Amino acid sequence: MRRKGDLPTKVCATCGRPFTWRRKWADDWDEVRYCSQRCRRGRHPAPAGDDG
């Protein structure tokens, strides 16, 4: 059994947050780009620099 910390991670193409491998993505992990359906629907890139 693997620990969650040992699973591969990626950065979401929309929000820029890291997300970890899930079993439902086992067959197509190389093609996964978004952390959630909400990010997939949005597809708006995160702002480059929000200095406030």
PDB file of N, CA and C in Angstrom:
ATOM      1  N   MET A   1       0.845  -1.181   0.000  1.00  0.00           N
ATOM      2  CA  MET A   1       0.000   0.000   0.000  1.00  0.00           C
ATOM      3  C   MET A   1       0.892   1.246   0.000  1.00  0.00           C
ATOM      4  N   ARG A   2       0.535   2.219  -0.808  1.00  0.00           N
ATOM      5  CA  ARG A   2       1.294   3.463  -0.897  1.00  0.00           C
ATOM      6  C   ARG A   2       0.705   4.517   0.027  1.00  0.00           C
ATOM      7  N   ARG A   3       1.587   5.374   0.510  1.00  0.00           N
ATOM      8  CA  ARG A   3       1.119   6.530   1.271  1.00  0.00           C
ATOM      9  C   ARG A   3       0.805   7.646   0.285  1.00  0.00           C
ATOM     10  N   LYS A   4      -0.063   8.558   0.694  1.00  0.00           N
ATOM     11  CA  LYS A   4      -0.459   9.650  -0.187  1.00  0.00           C
ATOM     12  C   LYS A   4       0.747  10.501  -0.601  1.00  0.00           C
ATOM     13  N   GLY A   5       1.694  10.659   0.281  1.00  0.00           N
ATOM     14  CA  GLY A   5       2.880  11.436  -0.024  1.00  0.00           C
ATOM     15  C   GLY A   5       3.761  10.809  -1.092  1.00  0.00           C
ATOM     16  N   ASP A   6       3.593   9.510  -1.346  1.00  0.00           N
ATOM     17  CA  ASP A   6       4.396   8.808  -2.344  1.00  0.00           C
ATOM     18  C   ASP A   6       3.784   8.841  -3.736  1.00  0.00           C
ATOM     19  N   LEU A   7       2.547   9.346  -3.866  1.00  0.00           N
ATOM     20  CA  LEU A   7       1.875   9.371  -5.156  1.00  0.00           C
ATOM     21  C   LEU A   7       2.408  10.502  -6.036  1.00  0.00           C
ATOM     22  N   PRO A   8       2.388  10.315  -7.357  1.00  0.00           N
ATOM     23  CA  PRO A   8       2.850  11.387  -8.249  1.00  0.00           C
ATOM     24  C   PRO A   8       1.918  12.593  -8.202  1.00  0.00           C
ATOM     25  N   THR A   9       2.468  13.762  -8.466  1.00  0.00           N
ATOM     26  CA  THR A   9       1.676  14.986  -8.449  1.00  0.00           C
ATOM     27  C   THR A   9       1.870  15.759  -9.751  1.00  0.00           C
ATOM     28  N   LYS A  10       0.930  16.646 -10.030  1.00  0.00           N
ATOM     29  CA  LYS A  10       0.982  17.565 -11.165  1.00  0.00           C
ATOM     30  C   LYS A  10       0.448  18.909 -10.702  1.00  0.00           C
ATOM     31  N   VAL A  11       0.619  19.927 -11.533  1.00  0.00           N
ATOM     32  CA  VAL A  11       0.082  21.249 -11.256  1.00  0.00           C
ATOM     33  C   VAL A  11      -1.052  21.502 -12.240  1.00  0.00           C
ATOM     34  N   CYS A  12      -2.179  21.954 -11.725  1.00  0.00           N
ATOM     35  CA  CYS A  12      -3.363  22.207 -12.545  1.00  0.00           C
ATOM     36  C   CYS A  12      -3.085  23.322 -13.551  1.00  0.00           C
ATOM     37  N   ALA A  13      -3.509  23.117 -14.803  1.00  0.00           N
ATOM     38  CA  ALA A  13      -3.279  24.095 -15.865  1.00  0.00           C
ATOM     39  C   ALA A  13      -4.150  25.333 -15.699  1.00  0.00           C
ATOM     40  N   THR A  14      -5.223  25.256 -14.927  1.00  0.00           N
ATOM     41  CA  THR A  14      -6.116  26.393 -14.742  1.00  0.00           C
ATOM     42  C   THR A  14      -5.802  27.178 -13.482  1.00  0.00           C
ATOM     43  N   CYS A  15      -5.821  26.509 -12.339  1.00  0.00           N
ATOM     44  CA  CYS A  15      -5.673  27.217 -11.066  1.00  0.00           C
ATOM     45  C   CYS A  15      -4.243  27.236 -10.546  1.00  0.00           C
ATOM     46  N   GLY A  16      -3.390  26.377 -11.072  1.00  0.00           N
ATOM     47  CA  GLY A  16      -1.998  26.365 -10.654  1.00  0.00           C
ATOM     48  C   GLY A  16      -1.732  25.640  -9.350  1.00  0.00           C
ATOM     49  N   ARG A  17      -2.722  24.967  -8.815  1.00  0.00           N
ATOM     50  CA  ARG A  17      -2.550  24.231  -7.565  1.00  0.00           C
ATOM     51  C   ARG A  17      -2.074  22.812  -7.846  1.00  0.00           C
ATOM     52  N   PRO A  18      -1.256  22.264  -6.952  1.00  0.00           N
ATOM     53  CA  PRO A  18      -0.816  20.877  -7.137  1.00  0.00           C
ATOM     54  C   PRO A  18      -1.943  19.901  -6.802  1.00  0.00           C
ATOM     55  N   PHE A  19      -1.990  18.788  -7.537  1.00  0.00           N
ATOM     56  CA  PHE A  19      -2.948  17.727  -7.228  1.00  0.00           C
ATOM     57  C   PHE A  19      -2.263  16.385  -7.412  1.00  0.00           C
ATOM     58  N   THR A  20      -2.770  15.375  -6.709  1.00  0.00           N
ATOM     59  CA  THR A  20      -2.127  14.067  -6.725  1.00  0.00           C
ATOM     60  C   THR A  20      -2.903  13.078  -7.585  1.00  0.00           C
ATOM     61  N   TRP A  21      -2.201  12.015  -7.924  1.00  0.00           N
ATOM     62  CA  TRP A  21      -2.743  10.928  -8.732  1.00  0.00           C
ATOM     63  C   TRP A  21      -3.967  10.331  -8.060  1.00  0.00           C
ATOM     64  N   ARG A  22      -4.958   9.970  -8.872  1.00  0.00           N
ATOM     65  CA  ARG A  22      -6.148   9.272  -8.378  1.00  0.00           C
ATOM     66  C   ARG A  22      -6.336   7.999  -9.187  1.00  0.00           C
ATOM     67  N   ARG A  23      -6.939   7.016  -8.561  1.00  0.00           N
ATOM     68  CA  ARG A  23      -7.098   5.721  -9.219  1.00  0.00           C
ATOM     69  C   ARG A  23      -7.896   5.836 -10.519  1.00  0.00           C
ATOM     70  N   LYS A  24      -8.896   6.735 -10.566  1.00  0.00           N
ATOM     71  CA  LYS A  24      -9.700   6.874 -11.776  1.00  0.00           C
ATOM     72  C   LYS A  24      -8.885   7.423 -12.941  1.00  0.00           C
ATOM     73  N   TRP A  25      -7.713   8.026 -12.646  1.00  0.00           N
ATOM     74  CA  TRP A  25      -6.840   8.556 -13.689  1.00  0.00           C
ATOM     75  C   TRP A  25      -5.717   7.582 -14.043  1.00  0.00           C
ATOM     76  N   ALA A  26      -5.756   6.371 -13.542  1.00  0.00           N
ATOM     77  CA  ALA A  26      -4.657   5.424 -13.724  1.00  0.00           C
ATOM     78  C   ALA A  26      -4.349   5.165 -15.193  1.00  0.00           C
ATOM     79  N   ASP A  27      -5.371   5.042 -16.029  1.00  0.00           N
ATOM     80  CA  ASP A  27      -5.162   4.708 -17.435  1.00  0.00           C
ATOM     81  C   ASP A  27      -4.712   5.882 -18.279  1.00  0.00           C
ATOM     82  N   ASP A  28      -5.017   7.109 -17.859  1.00  0.00           N
ATOM     83  CA  ASP A  28      -4.675   8.267 -18.689  1.00  0.00           C
ATOM     84  C   ASP A  28      -4.020   9.398 -17.898  1.00  0.00           C
ATOM     85  N   TRP A  29      -3.188   9.042 -16.930  1.00  0.00           N
ATOM     86  CA  TRP A  29      -2.521  10.039 -16.088  1.00  0.00           C
ATOM     87  C   TRP A  29      -1.690  11.024 -16.919  1.00  0.00           C
ATOM     88  N   ASP A  30      -1.093  10.563 -18.007  1.00  0.00           N
ATOM     89  CA  ASP A  30      -0.266  11.440 -18.844  1.00  0.00           C
ATOM     90  C   ASP A  30      -1.078  12.548 -19.499  1.00  0.00           C
ATOM     91  N   GLU A  31      -2.370  12.323 -19.732  1.00  0.00           N
ATOM     92  CA  GLU A  31      -3.221  13.313 -20.382  1.00  0.00           C
ATOM     93  C   GLU A  31      -3.959  14.224 -19.406  1.00  0.00           C
ATOM     94  N   VAL A  32      -3.962  13.896 -18.124  1.00  0.00           N
ATOM     95  CA  VAL A  32      -4.681  14.688 -17.125  1.00  0.00           C
ATOM     96  C   VAL A  32      -3.989  16.037 -16.961  1.00  0.00           C
ATOM     97  N   ARG A  33      -4.759  17.138 -17.068  1.00  0.00           N
ATOM     98  CA  ARG A  33      -4.204  18.484 -16.954  1.00  0.00           C
ATOM     99  C   ARG A  33      -4.893  19.329 -15.896  1.00  0.00           C
ATOM    100  N   TYR A  34      -6.097  18.924 -15.470  1.00  0.00           N
ATOM    101  CA  TYR A  34      -6.883  19.747 -14.555  1.00  0.00           C
ATOM    102  C   TYR A  34      -7.174  18.975 -13.278  1.00  0.00           C
ATOM    103  N   CYS A  35      -7.258  19.702 -12.158  1.00  0.00           N
ATOM    104  CA  CYS A  35      -7.471  19.055 -10.867  1.00  0.00           C
ATOM    105  C   CYS A  35      -8.932  18.701 -10.622  1.00  0.00           C
ATOM    106  N   SER A  36      -9.856  19.349 -11.344  1.00  0.00           N
ATOM    107  CA  SER A  36     -11.283  19.121 -11.100  1.00  0.00           C
ATOM    108  C   SER A  36     -12.094  19.449 -12.345  1.00  0.00           C
ATOM    109  N   GLN A  37     -13.358  19.069 -12.317  1.00  0.00           N
ATOM    110  CA  GLN A  37     -14.259  19.398 -13.425  1.00  0.00           C
ATOM    111  C   GLN A  37     -14.463  20.908 -13.510  1.00  0.00           C
ATOM    112  N   ARG A  38     -14.474  21.581 -12.376  1.00  0.00           N
ATOM    113  CA  ARG A  38     -14.642  23.032 -12.378  1.00  0.00           C
ATOM    114  C   ARG A  38     -13.491  23.708 -13.141  1.00  0.00           C
ATOM    115  N   CYS A  39     -12.276  23.271 -12.891  1.00  0.00           N
ATOM    116  CA  CYS A  39     -11.131  23.834 -13.613  1.00  0.00           C
ATOM    117  C   CYS A  39     -11.175  23.465 -15.092  1.00  0.00           C
ATOM    118  N   ARG A  40     -11.630  22.273 -15.398  1.00  0.00           N
ATOM    119  CA  ARG A  40     -11.729  21.853 -16.800  1.00  0.00           C
ATOM    120  C   ARG A  40     -12.741  22.728 -17.547  1.00  0.00           C
ATOM    121  N   ARG A  41     -13.857  23.037 -16.895  1.00  0.00           N
ATOM    122  CA  ARG A  41     -14.874  23.888 -17.526  1.00  0.00           C
ATOM    123  C   ARG A  41     -14.387  25.321 -17.666  1.00  0.00           C
ATOM    124  N   GLY A  42     -13.686  25.804 -16.646  1.00  0.00           N
ATOM    125  CA  GLY A  42     -13.223  27.190 -16.651  1.00  0.00           C
ATOM    126  C   GLY A  42     -12.165  27.442 -17.705  1.00  0.00           C
ATOM    127  N   ARG A  43     -11.099  26.663 -17.663  1.00  0.00           N
ATOM    128  CA  ARG A  43      -9.991  26.753 -18.607  1.00  0.00           C
ATOM    129  C   ARG A  43      -9.436  28.156 -18.782  1.00  0.00           C
ATOM    130  N   HIS A  44      -9.595  28.999 -17.787  1.00  0.00           N
ATOM    131  CA  HIS A  44      -9.009  30.329 -17.829  1.00  0.00           C
ATOM    132  C   HIS A  44      -7.700  30.269 -17.047  1.00  0.00           C
ATOM    133  N   PRO A  45      -6.603  30.598 -17.658  1.00  0.00           N
ATOM    134  CA  PRO A  45      -5.332  30.502 -16.939  1.00  0.00           C
ATOM    135  C   PRO A  45      -5.278  31.428 -15.727  1.00  0.00           C
ATOM    136  N   ALA A  46      -4.587  30.997 -14.707  1.00  0.00           N
ATOM    137  CA  ALA A  46      -4.463  31.799 -13.498  1.00  0.00           C
ATOM    138  C   ALA A  46      -3.706  33.089 -13.809  1.00  0.00           C
ATOM    139  N   PRO A  47      -4.033  34.170 -13.112  1.00  0.00           N
ATOM    140  CA  PRO A  47      -3.330  35.432 -13.336  1.00  0.00           C
ATOM    141  C   PRO A  47      -1.831  35.256 -13.078  1.00  0.00           C
ATOM    142  N   ALA A  48      -1.005  35.866 -13.916  1.00  0.00           N
ATOM    143  CA  ALA A  48       0.441  35.701 -13.823  1.00  0.00           C
ATOM    144  C   ALA A  48       0.992  36.280 -12.524  1.00  0.00           C
ATOM    145  N   GLY A  49       0.606  37.502 -12.208  1.00  0.00           N
ATOM    146  CA  GLY A  49       1.119  38.101 -10.980  1.00  0.00           C
ATOM    147  C   GLY A  49       0.088  39.041 -10.385  1.00  0.00           C
ATOM    148  N   ASP A  50      -0.454  38.674  -9.248  1.00  0.00           N
ATOM    149  CA  ASP A  50      -1.445  39.516  -8.583  1.00  0.00           C
ATOM    150  C   ASP A  50      -0.781  40.150  -7.377  1.00  0.00           C
ATOM    151  N   ASP A  51      -0.238  41.363  -7.571  1.00  0.00           N
ATOM    152  CA  ASP A  51       0.512  42.033  -6.514  1.00  0.00           C
ATOM    153  C   ASP A  51      -0.375  42.782  -5.526  1.00  0.00           C
ATOM    154  N   GLY A  52      -1.646  42.792  -5.794  1.00  0.00           N
ATOM    155  CA  GLY A  52      -2.554  43.362  -4.817  1.00  0.00           C
ATOM    156  C   GLY A  52      -3.058  44.648  -5.182  1.00  0.00           C
TER     157      GLY A  52
END
